[in-house]
Amino acid sequence: MTQKDVKALGQDISVTLQQISLLHVTGLVGLGKMWVGILLVCFDPMALSCKIIAKSEPFYSEQACLEEAEQMATQIRRGGAYATPHCHKVEGDSA
């Protein structure tokens, strides 16, 4: 998997946590109890080759988030890149 492939993947399925927070703060999105699936994708062991992508749709269970994040990480690893899945619990007064 090339950097171009991951960039396209990131554009297709990701928004940054900053964007999610902005939507929540402005009231455009109510977060409820949810999880955000995140992948750290690197093309070599150097940190400068890494990108963080997050799925734009929320998960309402940690298990569902972990399953899909691991599936995506496995797919990326098969393409030759490094991938580390993570699920971030969104917390707060409105969560």
PDB file of N, CA and C in Angstrom:
ATOM      1  N   MET A   1       0.847  -1.165   0.000  1.00  0.00           N
ATOM      2  CA  MET A   1       0.000   0.000   0.000  1.00  0.00           C
ATOM      3  C   MET A   1       0.896   1.233   0.000  1.00  0.00           C
ATOM      4  N   THR A   2       0.635   2.144  -0.886  1.00  0.00           N
ATOM      5  CA  THR A   2       1.463   3.335  -1.009  1.00  0.00           C
ATOM      6  C   THR A   2       0.891   4.476  -0.171  1.00  0.00           C
ATOM      7  N   GLN A   3       1.684   5.525  -0.009  1.00  0.00           N
ATOM      8  CA  GLN A   3       1.187   6.707   0.697  1.00  0.00           C
ATOM      9  C   GLN A   3      -0.039   7.269  -0.012  1.00  0.00           C
ATOM     10  N   LYS A   4      -0.039   7.227  -1.327  1.00  0.00           N
ATOM     11  CA  LYS A   4      -1.176   7.729  -2.102  1.00  0.00           C
ATOM     12  C   LYS A   4      -2.432   6.904  -1.793  1.00  0.00           C
ATOM     13  N   ASP A   5      -2.278   5.576  -1.676  1.00  0.00           N
ATOM     14  CA  ASP A   5      -3.411   4.710  -1.351  1.00  0.00           C
ATOM     15  C   ASP A   5      -3.990   5.047   0.016  1.00  0.00           C
ATOM     16  N   VAL A   6      -3.101   5.216   1.011  1.00  0.00           N
ATOM     17  CA  VAL A   6      -3.576   5.521   2.360  1.00  0.00           C
ATOM     18  C   VAL A   6      -4.192   6.910   2.400  1.00  0.00           C
ATOM     19  N   LYS A   7      -3.626   7.853   1.663  1.00  0.00           N
ATOM     20  CA  LYS A   7      -4.209   9.189   1.620  1.00  0.00           C
ATOM     21  C   LYS A   7      -5.627   9.125   1.061  1.00  0.00           C
ATOM     22  N   ALA A   8      -5.809   8.357  -0.006  1.00  0.00           N
ATOM     23  CA  ALA A   8      -7.144   8.199  -0.585  1.00  0.00           C
ATOM     24  C   ALA A   8      -8.077   7.512   0.405  1.00  0.00           C
ATOM     25  N   LEU A   9      -7.577   6.479   1.085  1.00  0.00           N
ATOM     26  CA  LEU A   9      -8.364   5.791   2.096  1.00  0.00           C
ATOM     27  C   LEU A   9      -8.762   6.755   3.203  1.00  0.00           C
ATOM     28  N   GLY A  10      -7.803   7.550   3.639  1.00  0.00           N
ATOM     29  CA  GLY A  10      -8.078   8.527   4.685  1.00  0.00           C
ATOM     30  C   GLY A  10      -9.123   9.542   4.265  1.00  0.00           C
ATOM     31  N   GLN A  11      -9.079   9.966   3.009  1.00  0.00           N
ATOM     32  CA  GLN A  11     -10.060  10.920   2.512  1.00  0.00           C
ATOM     33  C   GLN A  11     -11.437  10.290   2.426  1.00  0.00           C
ATOM     34  N   ASP A  12     -11.481   9.003   2.116  1.00  0.00           N
ATOM     35  CA  ASP A  12     -12.759   8.318   1.981  1.00  0.00           C
ATOM     36  C   ASP A  12     -13.435   8.064   3.321  1.00  0.00           C
ATOM     37  N   ILE A  13     -12.665   7.711   4.366  1.00  0.00           N
ATOM     38  CA  ILE A  13     -13.309   7.270   5.607  1.00  0.00           C
ATOM     39  C   ILE A  13     -12.940   8.089   6.836  1.00  0.00           C
ATOM     40  N   SER A  14     -12.242   9.200   6.660  1.00  0.00           N
ATOM     41  CA  SER A  14     -11.770   9.836   7.882  1.00  0.00           C
ATOM     42  C   SER A  14     -12.177  11.284   8.045  1.00  0.00           C
ATOM     43  N   VAL A  15     -12.237  11.655   9.278  1.00  0.00           N
ATOM     44  CA  VAL A  15     -12.228  13.044   9.706  1.00  0.00           C
ATOM     45  C   VAL A  15     -11.318  13.072  10.909  1.00  0.00           C
ATOM     46  N   THR A  16     -10.743  14.178  11.196  1.00  0.00           N
ATOM     47  CA  THR A  16      -9.855  14.228  12.349  1.00  0.00           C
ATOM     48  C   THR A  16     -10.657  14.402  13.628  1.00  0.00           C
ATOM     49  N   LEU A  17     -10.055  14.027  14.740  1.00  0.00           N
ATOM     50  CA  LEU A  17     -10.717  14.241  16.025  1.00  0.00           C
ATOM     51  C   LEU A  17     -10.999  15.714  16.249  1.00  0.00           C
ATOM     52  N   GLN A  18     -10.137  16.558  15.724  1.00  0.00           N
ATOM     53  CA  GLN A  18     -10.356  17.999  15.852  1.00  0.00           C
ATOM     54  C   GLN A  18     -11.648  18.400  15.139  1.00  0.00           C
ATOM     55  N   GLN A  19     -11.894  17.839  13.960  1.00  0.00           N
ATOM     56  CA  GLN A  19     -13.114  18.149  13.235  1.00  0.00           C
ATOM     57  C   GLN A  19     -14.339  17.637  13.980  1.00  0.00           C
ATOM     58  N   ILE A  20     -14.247  16.441  14.546  1.00  0.00           N
ATOM     59  CA  ILE A  20     -15.357  15.895  15.320  1.00  0.00           C
ATOM     60  C   ILE A  20     -15.638  16.790  16.518  1.00  0.00           C
ATOM     61  N   SER A  21     -14.582  17.214  17.213  1.00  0.00           N
ATOM     62  CA  SER A  21     -14.752  18.089  18.361  1.00  0.00           C
ATOM     63  C   SER A  21     -15.401  19.404  17.963  1.00  0.00           C
ATOM     64  N   LEU A  22     -14.982  19.953  16.832  1.00  0.00           N
ATOM     65  CA  LEU A  22     -15.553  21.216  16.362  1.00  0.00           C
ATOM     66  C   LEU A  22     -17.041  21.059  16.080  1.00  0.00           C
ATOM     67  N   LEU A  23     -17.418  19.970  15.419  1.00  0.00           N
ATOM     68  CA  LEU A  23     -18.834  19.734  15.144  1.00  0.00           C
ATOM     69  C   LEU A  23     -19.623  19.606  16.437  1.00  0.00           C
ATOM     70  N   HIS A  24     -19.049  18.951  17.427  1.00  0.00           N
ATOM     71  CA  HIS A  24     -19.724  18.783  18.707  1.00  0.00           C
ATOM     72  C   HIS A  24     -19.858  20.118  19.437  1.00  0.00           C
ATOM     73  N   VAL A  25     -18.765  20.872  19.491  1.00  0.00           N
ATOM     74  CA  VAL A  25     -18.761  22.149  20.205  1.00  0.00           C
ATOM     75  C   VAL A  25     -19.759  23.125  19.578  1.00  0.00           C
ATOM     76  N   THR A  26     -19.874  23.119  18.269  1.00  0.00           N
ATOM     77  CA  THR A  26     -20.792  24.031  17.596  1.00  0.00           C
ATOM     78  C   THR A  26     -22.234  23.548  17.649  1.00  0.00           C
ATOM     79  N   GLY A  27     -22.442  22.337  18.208  1.00  0.00           N
ATOM     80  CA  GLY A  27     -23.794  21.821  18.329  1.00  0.00           C
ATOM     81  C   GLY A  27     -24.307  21.121  17.083  1.00  0.00           C
ATOM     82  N   LEU A  28     -23.452  20.952  16.079  1.00  0.00           N
ATOM     83  CA  LEU A  28     -23.890  20.303  14.854  1.00  0.00           C
ATOM     84  C   LEU A  28     -24.008  18.795  15.008  1.00  0.00           C
ATOM     85  N   VAL A  29     -23.299  18.252  15.992  1.00  0.00           N
ATOM     86  CA  VAL A  29     -23.339  16.813  16.233  1.00  0.00           C
ATOM     87  C   VAL A  29     -23.442  16.574  17.729  1.00  0.00           C
ATOM     88  N   GLY A  30     -24.395  15.769  18.156  1.00  0.00           N
ATOM     89  CA  GLY A  30     -24.481  15.328  19.540  1.00  0.00           C
ATOM     90  C   GLY A  30     -23.752  14.007  19.653  1.00  0.00           C
ATOM     91  N   LEU A  31     -22.805  13.884  20.560  1.00  0.00           N
ATOM     92  CA  LEU A  31     -21.941  12.715  20.570  1.00  0.00           C
ATOM     93  C   LEU A  31     -22.550  11.493  21.243  1.00  0.00           C
ATOM     94  N   GLY A  32     -23.325  11.665  22.287  1.00  0.00           N
ATOM     95  CA  GLY A  32     -23.824  10.492  22.978  1.00  0.00           C
ATOM     96  C   GLY A  32     -22.676   9.618  23.454  1.00  0.00           C
ATOM     97  N   LYS A  33     -22.982   8.361  23.813  1.00  0.00           N
ATOM     98  CA  LYS A  33     -21.912   7.433  24.180  1.00  0.00           C
ATOM     99  C   LYS A  33     -21.421   6.795  22.899  1.00  0.00           C
ATOM    100  N   MET A  34     -20.186   7.093  22.554  1.00  0.00           N
ATOM    101  CA  MET A  34     -19.682   6.568  21.294  1.00  0.00           C
ATOM    102  C   MET A  34     -18.183   6.371  21.315  1.00  0.00           C
ATOM    103  N   TRP A  35     -17.731   5.657  20.307  1.00  0.00           N
ATOM    104  CA  TRP A  35     -16.323   5.366  20.100  1.00  0.00           C
ATOM    105  C   TRP A  35     -15.945   5.832  18.718  1.00  0.00           C
ATOM    106  N   VAL A  36     -14.727   6.328  18.563  1.00  0.00           N
ATOM    107  CA  VAL A  36     -14.207   6.740  17.263  1.00  0.00           C
ATOM    108  C   VAL A  36     -13.059   5.789  16.909  1.00  0.00           C
ATOM    109  N   GLY A  37     -13.162   5.167  15.734  1.00  0.00           N
ATOM    110  CA  GLY A  37     -12.118   4.266  15.262  1.00  0.00           C
ATOM    111  C   GLY A  37     -10.972   5.055  14.640  1.00  0.00           C
ATOM    112  N   ILE A  38      -9.758   4.771  15.088  1.00  0.00           N
ATOM    113  CA  ILE A  38      -8.575   5.510  14.642  1.00  0.00           C
ATOM    114  C   ILE A  38      -7.500   4.514  14.210  1.00  0.00           C
ATOM    115  N   LEU A  39      -6.793   4.837  13.144  1.00  0.00           N
ATOM    116  CA  LEU A  39      -5.653   4.033  12.703  1.00  0.00           C
ATOM    117  C   LEU A  39      -4.418   4.913  12.606  1.00  0.00           C
ATOM    118  N   LEU A  40      -3.316   4.423  13.124  1.00  0.00           N
ATOM    119  CA  LEU A  40      -2.010   5.028  12.892  1.00  0.00           C
ATOM    120  C   LEU A  40      -1.389   4.209  11.775  1.00  0.00           C
ATOM    121  N   VAL A  41      -1.132   4.839  10.632  1.00  0.00           N
ATOM    122  CA  VAL A  41      -0.594   4.153   9.460  1.00  0.00           C
ATOM    123  C   VAL A  41       0.773   4.747   9.140  1.00  0.00           C
ATOM    124  N   CYS A  42       1.781   3.877   9.040  1.00  0.00           N
ATOM    125  CA  CYS A  42       3.146   4.312   8.732  1.00  0.00           C
ATOM    126  C   CYS A  42       3.676   3.505   7.554  1.00  0.00           C
ATOM    127  N   PHE A  43       4.477   4.148   6.728  1.00  0.00           N
ATOM    128  CA  PHE A  43       5.014   3.490   5.548  1.00  0.00           C
ATOM    129  C   PHE A  43       6.392   2.885   5.790  1.00  0.00           C
ATOM    130  N   ASP A  44       7.045   3.325   6.860  1.00  0.00           N
ATOM    131  CA  ASP A  44       8.311   2.754   7.289  1.00  0.00           C
ATOM    132  C   ASP A  44       8.455   3.075   8.770  1.00  0.00           C
ATOM    133  N   PRO A  45       9.503   2.599   9.441  1.00  0.00           N
ATOM    134  CA  PRO A  45       9.622   2.826  10.881  1.00  0.00           C
ATOM    135  C   PRO A  45       9.823   4.292  11.295  1.00  0.00           C
ATOM    136  N   MET A  46      10.036   5.186  10.352  1.00  0.00           N
ATOM    137  CA  MET A  46      10.228   6.595  10.676  1.00  0.00           C
ATOM    138  C   MET A  46       8.887   7.272  10.962  1.00  0.00           C
ATOM    139  N   ALA A  47       8.811   8.012  12.045  1.00  0.00           N
ATOM    140  CA  ALA A  47       7.557   8.662  12.429  1.00  0.00           C
ATOM    141  C   ALA A  47       7.066   9.648  11.374  1.00  0.00           C
ATOM    142  N   LEU A  48       7.974  10.215  10.596  1.00  0.00           N
ATOM    143  CA  LEU A  48       7.567  11.184   9.575  1.00  0.00           C
ATOM    144  C   LEU A  48       6.721  10.553   8.471  1.00  0.00           C
ATOM    145  N   SER A  49       6.749   9.218   8.368  1.00  0.00           N
ATOM    146  CA  SER A  49       5.965   8.542   7.337  1.00  0.00           C
ATOM    147  C   SER A  49       4.548   8.216   7.806  1.00  0.00           C
ATOM    148  N   CYS A  50       4.215   8.573   9.027  1.00  0.00           N
ATOM    149  CA  CYS A  50       2.936   8.168   9.619  1.00  0.00           C
ATOM    150  C   CYS A  50       1.810   9.170   9.359  1.00  0.00           C
ATOM    151  N   LYS A  51       0.615   8.614   9.252  1.00  0.00           N
ATOM    152  CA  LYS A  51      -0.615   9.390   9.125  1.00  0.00           C
ATOM    153  C   LYS A  51      -1.617   8.824  10.114  1.00  0.00           C
ATOM    154  N   ILE A  52      -2.480   9.678  10.627  1.00  0.00           N
ATOM    155  CA  ILE A  52      -3.569   9.231  11.495  1.00  0.00           C
ATOM    156  C   ILE A  52      -4.864   9.425  10.737  1.00  0.00           C
ATOM    157  N   ILE A  53      -5.654   8.360  10.670  1.00  0.00           N
ATOM    158  CA  ILE A  53      -6.957   8.481  10.034  1.00  0.00           C
ATOM    159  C   ILE A  53      -8.024   8.018  11.022  1.00  0.00           C
ATOM    160  N   ALA A  54      -9.195   8.619  10.940  1.00  0.00           N
ATOM    161  CA  ALA A  54     -10.305   8.264  11.825  1.00  0.00           C
ATOM    162  C   ALA A  54     -11.558   8.089  10.990  1.00  0.00           C
ATOM    163  N   LYS A  55     -12.351   7.099  11.338  1.00  0.00           N
ATOM    164  CA  LYS A  55     -13.596   6.852  10.614  1.00  0.00           C
ATOM    165  C   LYS A  55     -14.597   7.949  10.967  1.00  0.00           C
ATOM    166  N   SER A  56     -15.296   8.436   9.967  1.00  0.00           N
ATOM    167  CA  SER A  56     -16.211   9.551  10.182  1.00  0.00           C
ATOM    168  C   SER A  56     -17.505   9.141  10.869  1.00  0.00           C
ATOM    169  N   GLU A  57     -17.912   7.889  10.739  1.00  0.00           N
ATOM    170  CA  GLU A  57     -19.119   7.431  11.420  1.00  0.00           C
ATOM    171  C   GLU A  57     -18.754   6.878  12.793  1.00  0.00           C
ATOM    172  N   PRO A  58     -19.532   7.215  13.818  1.00  0.00           N
ATOM    173  CA  PRO A  58     -19.213   6.726  15.166  1.00  0.00           C
ATOM    174  C   PRO A  58     -19.636   5.274  15.359  1.00  0.00           C
ATOM    175  N   PHE A  59     -19.066   4.659  16.377  1.00  0.00           N
ATOM    176  CA  PHE A  59     -19.466   3.328  16.822  1.00  0.00           C
ATOM    177  C   PHE A  59     -20.136   3.501  18.173  1.00  0.00           C
ATOM    178  N   TYR A  60     -21.135   2.689  18.442  1.00  0.00           N
ATOM    179  CA  TYR A  60     -21.837   2.799  19.714  1.00  0.00           C
ATOM    180  C   TYR A  60     -21.488   1.669  20.667  1.00  0.00           C
ATOM    181  N   SER A  61     -20.500   0.842  20.273  1.00  0.00           N
ATOM    182  CA  SER A  61     -19.938  -0.150  21.185  1.00  0.00           C
ATOM    183  C   SER A  61     -18.446  -0.251  20.902  1.00  0.00           C
ATOM    184  N   GLU A  62     -17.683  -0.490  21.949  1.00  0.00           N
ATOM    185  CA  GLU A  62     -16.242  -0.629  21.788  1.00  0.00           C
ATOM    186  C   GLU A  62     -15.907  -1.855  20.941  1.00  0.00           C
ATOM    187  N   GLN A  63     -16.646  -2.935  21.135  1.00  0.00           N
ATOM    188  CA  GLN A  63     -16.373  -4.173  20.405  1.00  0.00           C
ATOM    189  C   GLN A  63     -16.517  -3.975  18.902  1.00  0.00           C
ATOM    190  N   ALA A  64     -17.585  -3.319  18.455  1.00  0.00           N
ATOM    191  CA  ALA A  64     -17.781  -3.071  17.018  1.00  0.00           C
ATOM    192  C   ALA A  64     -16.654  -2.214  16.460  1.00  0.00           C
ATOM    193  N   CYS A  65     -16.239  -1.225  17.228  1.00  0.00           N
ATOM    194  CA  CYS A  65     -15.146  -0.344  16.817  1.00  0.00           C
ATOM    195  C   CYS A  65     -13.851  -1.134  16.664  1.00  0.00           C
ATOM    196  N   LEU A  66     -13.524  -1.937  17.669  1.00  0.00           N
ATOM    197  CA  LEU A  66     -12.283  -2.713  17.635  1.00  0.00           C
ATOM    198  C   LEU A  66     -12.258  -3.710  16.479  1.00  0.00           C
ATOM    199  N   GLU A  67     -13.398  -4.350  16.219  1.00  0.00           N
ATOM    200  CA  GLU A  67     -13.453  -5.323  15.123  1.00  0.00           C
ATOM    201  C   GLU A  67     -13.173  -4.661  13.776  1.00  0.00           C
ATOM    202  N   GLU A  68     -13.838  -3.533  13.514  1.00  0.00           N
ATOM    203  CA  GLU A  68     -13.628  -2.874  12.227  1.00  0.00           C
ATOM    204  C   GLU A  68     -12.238  -2.251  12.127  1.00  0.00           C
ATOM    205  N   ALA A  69     -11.746  -1.675  13.221  1.00  0.00           N
ATOM    206  CA  ALA A  69     -10.406  -1.077  13.208  1.00  0.00           C
ATOM    207  C   ALA A  69      -9.350  -2.144  12.919  1.00  0.00           C
ATOM    208  N   GLU A  70      -9.501  -3.315  13.518  1.00  0.00           N
ATOM    209  CA  GLU A  70      -8.536  -4.395  13.283  1.00  0.00           C
ATOM    210  C   GLU A  70      -8.627  -4.905  11.849  1.00  0.00           C
ATOM    211  N   GLN A  71      -9.835  -4.993  11.300  1.00  0.00           N
ATOM    212  CA  GLN A  71      -9.990  -5.411   9.906  1.00  0.00           C
ATOM    213  C   GLN A  71      -9.280  -4.436   8.961  1.00  0.00           C
ATOM    214  N   MET A  72      -9.457  -3.150   9.198  1.00  0.00           N
ATOM    215  CA  MET A  72      -8.807  -2.138   8.353  1.00  0.00           C
ATOM    216  C   MET A  72      -7.288  -2.214   8.502  1.00  0.00           C
ATOM    217  N   ALA A  73      -6.807  -2.365   9.743  1.00  0.00           N
ATOM    218  CA  ALA A  73      -5.363  -2.455   9.982  1.00  0.00           C
ATOM    219  C   ALA A  73      -4.776  -3.671   9.271  1.00  0.00           C
ATOM    220  N   THR A  74      -5.472  -4.794   9.307  1.00  0.00           N
ATOM    221  CA  THR A  74      -5.008  -6.007   8.630  1.00  0.00           C
ATOM    222  C   THR A  74      -4.919  -5.779   7.125  1.00  0.00           C
ATOM    223  N   GLN A  75      -5.916  -5.125   6.563  1.00  0.00           N
ATOM    224  CA  GLN A  75      -5.920  -4.831   5.127  1.00  0.00           C
ATOM    225  C   GLN A  75      -4.732  -3.942   4.752  1.00  0.00           C
ATOM    226  N   ILE A  76      -4.462  -2.941   5.564  1.00  0.00           N
ATOM    227  CA  ILE A  76      -3.345  -2.035   5.289  1.00  0.00           C
ATOM    228  C   ILE A  76      -2.012  -2.766   5.431  1.00  0.00           C
ATOM    229  N   ARG A  77      -1.887  -3.626   6.454  1.00  0.00           N
ATOM    230  CA  ARG A  77      -0.653  -4.402   6.643  1.00  0.00           C
ATOM    231  C   ARG A  77      -0.385  -5.318   5.459  1.00  0.00           C
ATOM    232  N   ARG A  78      -1.443  -5.896   4.903  1.00  0.00           N
ATOM    233  CA  ARG A  78      -1.281  -6.761   3.725  1.00  0.00           C
ATOM    234  C   ARG A  78      -0.699  -5.978   2.553  1.00  0.00           C
ATOM    235  N   GLY A  79      -0.953  -4.681   2.529  1.00  0.00           N
ATOM    236  CA  GLY A  79      -0.416  -3.827   1.477  1.00  0.00           C
ATOM    237  C   GLY A  79       1.020  -3.389   1.730  1.00  0.00           C
ATOM    238  N   GLY A  80       1.595  -3.797   2.864  1.00  0.00           N
ATOM    239  CA  GLY A  80       2.992  -3.502   3.137  1.00  0.00           C
ATOM    240  C   GLY A  80       3.258  -2.336   4.069  1.00  0.00           C
ATOM    241  N   ALA A  81       2.228  -1.689   4.556  1.00  0.00           N
ATOM    242  CA  ALA A  81       2.422  -0.575   5.493  1.00  0.00           C
ATOM    243  C   ALA A  81       2.248  -1.089   6.926  1.00  0.00           C
ATOM    244  N   TYR A  82       2.640  -0.283   7.886  1.00  0.00           N
ATOM    245  CA  TYR A  82       2.419  -0.581   9.297  1.00  0.00           C
ATOM    246  C   TYR A  82       1.087   0.051   9.675  1.00  0.00           C
ATOM    247  N   ALA A  83       0.296  -0.617  10.498  1.00  0.00           N
ATOM    248  CA  ALA A  83      -0.983  -0.055  10.922  1.00  0.00           C
ATOM    249  C   ALA A  83      -1.291  -0.489  12.343  1.00  0.00           C
ATOM    250  N   THR A  84      -1.681   0.472  13.169  1.00  0.00           N
ATOM    251  CA  THR A  84      -2.038   0.203  14.548  1.00  0.00           C
ATOM    252  C   THR A  84      -3.460   0.713  14.788  1.00  0.00           C
ATOM    253  N   PRO A  85      -4.403  -0.189  15.096  1.00  0.00           N
ATOM    254  CA  PRO A  85      -5.780   0.234  15.327  1.00  0.00           C
ATOM    255  C   PRO A  85      -5.985   0.725  16.761  1.00  0.00           C
ATOM    256  N   HIS A  86      -6.943   1.602  16.934  1.00  0.00           N
ATOM    257  CA  HIS A  86      -7.285   2.115  18.258  1.00  0.00           C
ATOM    258  C   HIS A  86      -8.737   2.580  18.235  1.00  0.00           C
ATOM    259  N   CYS A  87      -9.403   2.477  19.359  1.00  0.00           N
ATOM    260  CA  CYS A  87     -10.743   3.032  19.498  1.00  0.00           C
ATOM    261  C   CYS A  87     -10.728   4.011  20.661  1.00  0.00           C
ATOM    262  N   HIS A  88     -11.145   5.221  20.379  1.00  0.00           N
ATOM    263  CA  HIS A  88     -11.126   6.294  21.375  1.00  0.00           C
ATOM    264  C   HIS A  88     -12.543   6.545  21.874  1.00  0.00           C
ATOM    265  N   LYS A  89     -12.752   6.426  23.174  1.00  0.00           N
ATOM    266  CA  LYS A  89     -14.060   6.678  23.763  1.00  0.00           C
ATOM    267  C   LYS A  89     -14.250   8.188  23.883  1.00  0.00           C
ATOM    268  N   VAL A  90     -15.373   8.657  23.370  1.00  0.00           N
ATOM    269  CA  VAL A  90     -15.692  10.067  23.462  1.00  0.00           C
ATOM    270  C   VAL A  90     -16.475  10.279  24.742  1.00  0.00           C
ATOM    271  N   GLU A  91     -15.954  11.133  25.611  1.00  0.00           N
ATOM    272  CA  GLU A  91     -16.576  11.374  26.909  1.00  0.00           C
ATOM    273  C   GLU A  91     -16.841  12.862  27.083  1.00  0.00           C
ATOM    274  N   GLY A  92     -17.652  13.162  28.040  1.00  0.00           N
ATOM    275  CA  GLY A  92     -17.936  14.558  28.341  1.00  0.00           C
ATOM    276  C   GLY A  92     -19.380  14.715  28.763  1.00  0.00           C
ATOM    277  N   ASP A  93     -19.793  15.938  29.016  1.00  0.00           N
ATOM    278  CA  ASP A  93     -21.145  16.212  29.481  1.00  0.00           C
ATOM    279  C   ASP A  93     -22.192  15.762  28.474  1.00  0.00           C
ATOM    280  N   SER A  94     -21.901  15.905  27.208  1.00  0.00           N
ATOM    281  CA  SER A  94     -22.877  15.543  26.187  1.00  0.00           C
ATOM    282  C   SER A  94     -22.690  14.125  25.684  1.00  0.00           C
ATOM    283  N   ALA A  95     -21.625  13.452  26.147  1.00  0.00           N
ATOM    284  CA  ALA A  95     -21.354  12.099  25.645  1.00  0.00           C
ATOM    285  C   ALA A  95     -22.246  11.083  26.327  1.00  0.00           C
TER     286      ALA A  95
END
